Each structure stands twice: as structure tokens, then as C-alpha cells.
């Protein structure tokens, strides 16, 4: 629900959902909320925490937050980590609204093909 609210611009509600989520998911969401609110420093601190504590097992979520923040290179770097880790989040790759900003990048089509997803 937090992701949906964030996508709809309901940052207060999204923040509430993310604060109640399991810690790694919550940190991911809050990094995106803080970025949306223009709190770059707070968002960056949350991203650093994600990368330090949850690089293994939450690479897909780090890619989501990177994409939301407009960091395409970072998002693709973390999607590659997710691929290498066989991250279950990758099944949402083509339809995840948090990754919508990546769809026009040739690296996205290459990853979709690499994953073996149909066009």
C-alpha cells in the first residue's frame, strides 16, 4: 500500500505504511518518501543504510529506490546485483511502477531479455 500511495503522491500515508513495514522494506520506502519530499540528505542516509545492511537479499528494493530517486545507473547496478543473487523481486521487473522511469533505457530491454521474459 505504501508504494501505491507514494505513486499517487500521498506521502504522509505512504510514510505511515513504510514505518510499519519490516525494517528493510520500510527503509526502502522511506528513502523514496524522503526524496519525494525534497529531503535529499535524509534519503541519501537511508540509501546508505540499505546498501550497508541489506545489499544481500534486498538488491531489488535498492534498485527500486534508486530508480525512484532518478539514479538510473544505480538502479541498473542494483538490478544486476539482484540478478546475480536470484532475487525473487525480479519477477515484478516489467510491471513494477517504481521502475517505470527505466523502461525507455536500452539496459531495461536487455535485462528483460536476459531474464527470459517475453516481450
C-alpha atoms as a PDB file:
ATOM      1  CA  UNK A   1       0.000   0.000   0.000  1.00  0.00           C
ATOM      2  CA  UNK A   2       2.874   2.359   0.735  1.00  0.00           C
ATOM      3  CA  UNK A   3       4.166   2.077  -2.826  1.00  0.00           C
ATOM      4  CA  UNK A   4       0.714   2.808  -4.236  1.00  0.00           C
ATOM      5  CA  UNK A   5       0.271   5.839  -2.004  1.00  0.00           C
ATOM      6  CA  UNK A   6       3.733   7.097  -2.887  1.00  0.00           C
ATOM      7  CA  UNK A   7       2.978   6.744  -6.595  1.00  0.00           C
ATOM      8  CA  UNK A   8      -0.251   8.733  -6.055  1.00  0.00           C
ATOM      9  CA  UNK A   9       1.604  11.490  -4.186  1.00  0.00           C
ATOM     10  CA  UNK A  10       0.172  10.599  -0.772  1.00  0.00           C
ATOM     11  CA  UNK A  11       3.473  10.874   1.049  1.00  0.00           C
ATOM     12  CA  UNK A  12       2.076  11.060   4.598  1.00  0.00           C
ATOM     13  CA  UNK A  13       0.080   7.881   4.147  1.00  0.00           C
ATOM     14  CA  UNK A  14       2.959   6.161   2.349  1.00  0.00           C
ATOM     15  CA  UNK A  15       5.301   7.109   5.158  1.00  0.00           C
ATOM     16  CA  UNK A  16       2.889   5.641   7.708  1.00  0.00           C
ATOM     17  CA  UNK A  17       2.770   2.328   5.835  1.00  0.00           C
ATOM     18  CA  UNK A  18       6.540   2.189   5.467  1.00  0.00           C
ATOM     19  CA  UNK A  19       7.113   2.935   9.163  1.00  0.00           C
ATOM     20  CA  UNK A  20       5.007  -0.148  10.000  1.00  0.00           C
ATOM     21  CA  UNK A  21       6.679  -2.424   7.427  1.00  0.00           C
ATOM     22  CA  UNK A  22       9.517  -4.844   8.162  1.00  0.00           C
ATOM     23  CA  UNK A  23      12.694  -2.820   8.521  1.00  0.00           C
ATOM     24  CA  UNK A  24      14.369  -3.341   5.117  1.00  0.00           C
ATOM     25  CA  UNK A  25      11.145  -2.737   3.183  1.00  0.00           C
ATOM     26  CA  UNK A  26      10.337   0.227   5.385  1.00  0.00           C
ATOM     27  CA  UNK A  27      13.773   1.753   4.912  1.00  0.00           C
ATOM     28  CA  UNK A  28      13.412   1.385   1.149  1.00  0.00           C
ATOM     29  CA  UNK A  29      10.064   3.139   1.155  1.00  0.00           C
ATOM     30  CA  UNK A  30      11.177   5.880   3.497  1.00  0.00           C
ATOM     31  CA  UNK A  31      14.201   6.597   1.284  1.00  0.00           C
ATOM     32  CA  UNK A  32      11.738   7.200  -1.555  1.00  0.00           C
ATOM     33  CA  UNK A  33       9.355   9.259   0.597  1.00  0.00           C
ATOM     34  CA  UNK A  34      12.157  11.493   1.857  1.00  0.00           C
ATOM     35  CA  UNK A  35      13.384  12.012  -1.700  1.00  0.00           C
ATOM     36  CA  UNK A  36       9.870  12.903  -2.841  1.00  0.00           C
ATOM     37  CA  UNK A  37       9.598  15.431  -0.026  1.00  0.00           C
ATOM     38  CA  UNK A  38      12.847  17.060  -1.144  1.00  0.00           C
ATOM     39  CA  UNK A  39      14.834  15.756   1.818  1.00  0.00           C
ATOM     40  CA  UNK A  40      17.863  14.624  -0.163  1.00  0.00           C
ATOM     41  CA  UNK A  41      20.187  14.237   2.831  1.00  0.00           C
ATOM     42  CA  UNK A  42      17.730  12.054   4.760  1.00  0.00           C
ATOM     43  CA  UNK A  43      17.009   9.990   1.658  1.00  0.00           C
ATOM     44  CA  UNK A  44      20.713   9.507   0.989  1.00  0.00           C
ATOM     45  CA  UNK A  45      21.295   8.399   4.603  1.00  0.00           C
ATOM     46  CA  UNK A  46      18.555   5.791   4.255  1.00  0.00           C
ATOM     47  CA  UNK A  47      20.053   4.615   0.952  1.00  0.00           C
ATOM     48  CA  UNK A  48      23.457   4.247   2.612  1.00  0.00           C
ATOM     49  CA  UNK A  49      21.850   2.184   5.375  1.00  0.00           C
ATOM     50  CA  UNK A  50      20.156  -0.053   2.805  1.00  0.00           C
ATOM     51  CA  UNK A  51      23.389  -0.648   0.938  1.00  0.00           C
ATOM     52  CA  UNK A  52      25.363  -1.306   4.110  1.00  0.00           C
ATOM     53  CA  UNK A  53      22.911  -3.622   5.872  1.00  0.00           C
ATOM     54  CA  UNK A  54      20.767  -5.162   3.141  1.00  0.00           C
ATOM     55  CA  UNK A  55      22.890  -5.443  -0.015  1.00  0.00           C
ATOM     56  CA  UNK A  56      22.323  -9.189   0.012  1.00  0.00           C
ATOM     57  CA  UNK A  57      18.671 -10.093  -0.130  1.00  0.00           C
ATOM     58  CA  UNK A  58      17.282  -6.651  -0.886  1.00  0.00           C
ATOM     59  CA  UNK A  59      19.157  -5.663  -4.039  1.00  0.00           C
ATOM     60  CA  UNK A  60      15.858  -5.375  -5.925  1.00  0.00           C
ATOM     61  CA  UNK A  61      14.482  -2.933  -3.356  1.00  0.00           C
ATOM     62  CA  UNK A  62      17.663  -0.860  -3.531  1.00  0.00           C
ATOM     63  CA  UNK A  63      17.180  -0.752  -7.306  1.00  0.00           C
ATOM     64  CA  UNK A  64      13.584   0.422  -6.798  1.00  0.00           C
ATOM     65  CA  UNK A  65      14.664   3.253  -4.515  1.00  0.00           C
ATOM     66  CA  UNK A  66      17.496   4.218  -6.857  1.00  0.00           C
ATOM     67  CA  UNK A  67      15.117   4.353  -9.811  1.00  0.00           C
ATOM     68  CA  UNK A  68      12.585   6.402  -7.854  1.00  0.00           C
ATOM     69  CA  UNK A  69      15.352   8.851  -6.988  1.00  0.00           C
ATOM     70  CA  UNK A  70      16.247   9.207 -10.671  1.00  0.00           C
ATOM     71  CA  UNK A  71      19.548   7.351 -10.351  1.00  0.00           C
ATOM     72  CA  UNK A  72      19.285   5.130 -13.433  1.00  0.00           C
ATOM     73  CA  UNK A  73      22.885   3.959 -13.298  1.00  0.00           C
ATOM     74  CA  UNK A  74      22.488   2.978  -9.651  1.00  0.00           C
ATOM     75  CA  UNK A  75      19.189   1.250 -10.374  1.00  0.00           C
ATOM     76  CA  UNK A  76      20.725  -0.868 -13.130  1.00  0.00           C
ATOM     77  CA  UNK A  77      23.740  -1.662 -10.962  1.00  0.00           C
ATOM     78  CA  UNK A  78      21.425  -2.968  -8.232  1.00  0.00           C
ATOM     79  CA  UNK A  79      19.224  -4.820 -10.708  1.00  0.00           C
ATOM     80  CA  UNK A  80      22.363  -6.646 -11.841  1.00  0.00           C
ATOM     81  CA  UNK A  81      23.125  -7.486  -8.200  1.00  0.00           C
ATOM     82  CA  UNK A  82      19.545  -8.735  -7.872  1.00  0.00           C
ATOM     83  CA  UNK A  83      20.017 -10.883 -10.964  1.00  0.00           C
ATOM     84  CA  UNK A  84      23.259 -12.335  -9.603  1.00  0.00           C
ATOM     85  CA  UNK A  85      21.556 -13.048  -6.255  1.00  0.00           C
ATOM     86  CA  UNK A  86      18.499 -14.637  -7.899  1.00  0.00           C
ATOM     87  CA  UNK A  87      16.396 -12.037  -6.080  1.00  0.00           C
ATOM     88  CA  UNK A  88      12.720 -13.029  -6.136  1.00  0.00           C
ATOM     89  CA  UNK A  89      11.715  -9.390  -6.642  1.00  0.00           C
ATOM     90  CA  UNK A  90      12.808  -9.601 -10.255  1.00  0.00           C
ATOM     91  CA  UNK A  91       9.571 -11.343 -11.200  1.00  0.00           C
ATOM     92  CA  UNK A  92       7.943  -7.872 -10.961  1.00  0.00           C
ATOM     93  CA  UNK A  93      10.549  -6.267 -13.211  1.00  0.00           C
ATOM     94  CA  UNK A  94       8.344  -5.487 -16.213  1.00  0.00           C
ATOM     95  CA  UNK A  95       5.353  -4.235 -14.226  1.00  0.00           C
ATOM     96  CA  UNK A  96       6.821  -2.513 -11.182  1.00  0.00           C
ATOM     97  CA  UNK A  97       5.692   1.143 -11.155  1.00  0.00           C
ATOM     98  CA  UNK A  98       8.757   2.076  -9.108  1.00  0.00           C
ATOM     99  CA  UNK A  99      10.880   1.125 -12.126  1.00  0.00           C
ATOM    100  CA  UNK A 100       8.766   2.906 -14.753  1.00  0.00           C
ATOM    101  CA  UNK A 101      11.461   5.535 -15.263  1.00  0.00           C
ATOM    102  CA  UNK A 102      13.820   2.843 -16.544  1.00  0.00           C
ATOM    103  CA  UNK A 103      11.652   1.469 -19.343  1.00  0.00           C
ATOM    104  CA  UNK A 104      12.997   3.821 -22.026  1.00  0.00           C
ATOM    105  CA  UNK A 105      16.612   2.873 -21.285  1.00  0.00           C
ATOM    106  CA  UNK A 106      18.099   0.184 -23.575  1.00  0.00           C
ATOM    107  CA  UNK A 107      19.532  -1.530 -20.498  1.00  0.00           C
ATOM    108  CA  UNK A 108      15.980  -2.302 -19.379  1.00  0.00           C
ATOM    109  CA  UNK A 109      15.126  -4.187 -22.580  1.00  0.00           C
ATOM    110  CA  UNK A 110      18.437  -6.022 -22.332  1.00  0.00           C
ATOM    111  CA  UNK A 111      17.680  -7.105 -18.762  1.00  0.00           C
ATOM    112  CA  UNK A 112      14.158  -8.216 -19.691  1.00  0.00           C
ATOM    113  CA  UNK A 113      15.668 -10.309 -22.496  1.00  0.00           C
ATOM    114  CA  UNK A 114      18.382 -11.659 -20.190  1.00  0.00           C
ATOM    115  CA  UNK A 115      15.688 -12.700 -17.715  1.00  0.00           C
ATOM    116  CA  UNK A 116      13.920 -14.597 -20.493  1.00  0.00           C
ATOM    117  CA  UNK A 117      10.685 -12.646 -20.133  1.00  0.00           C
ATOM    118  CA  UNK A 118       8.511 -12.451 -23.223  1.00  0.00           C
ATOM    119  CA  UNK A 119       8.097  -9.113 -24.936  1.00  0.00           C
END
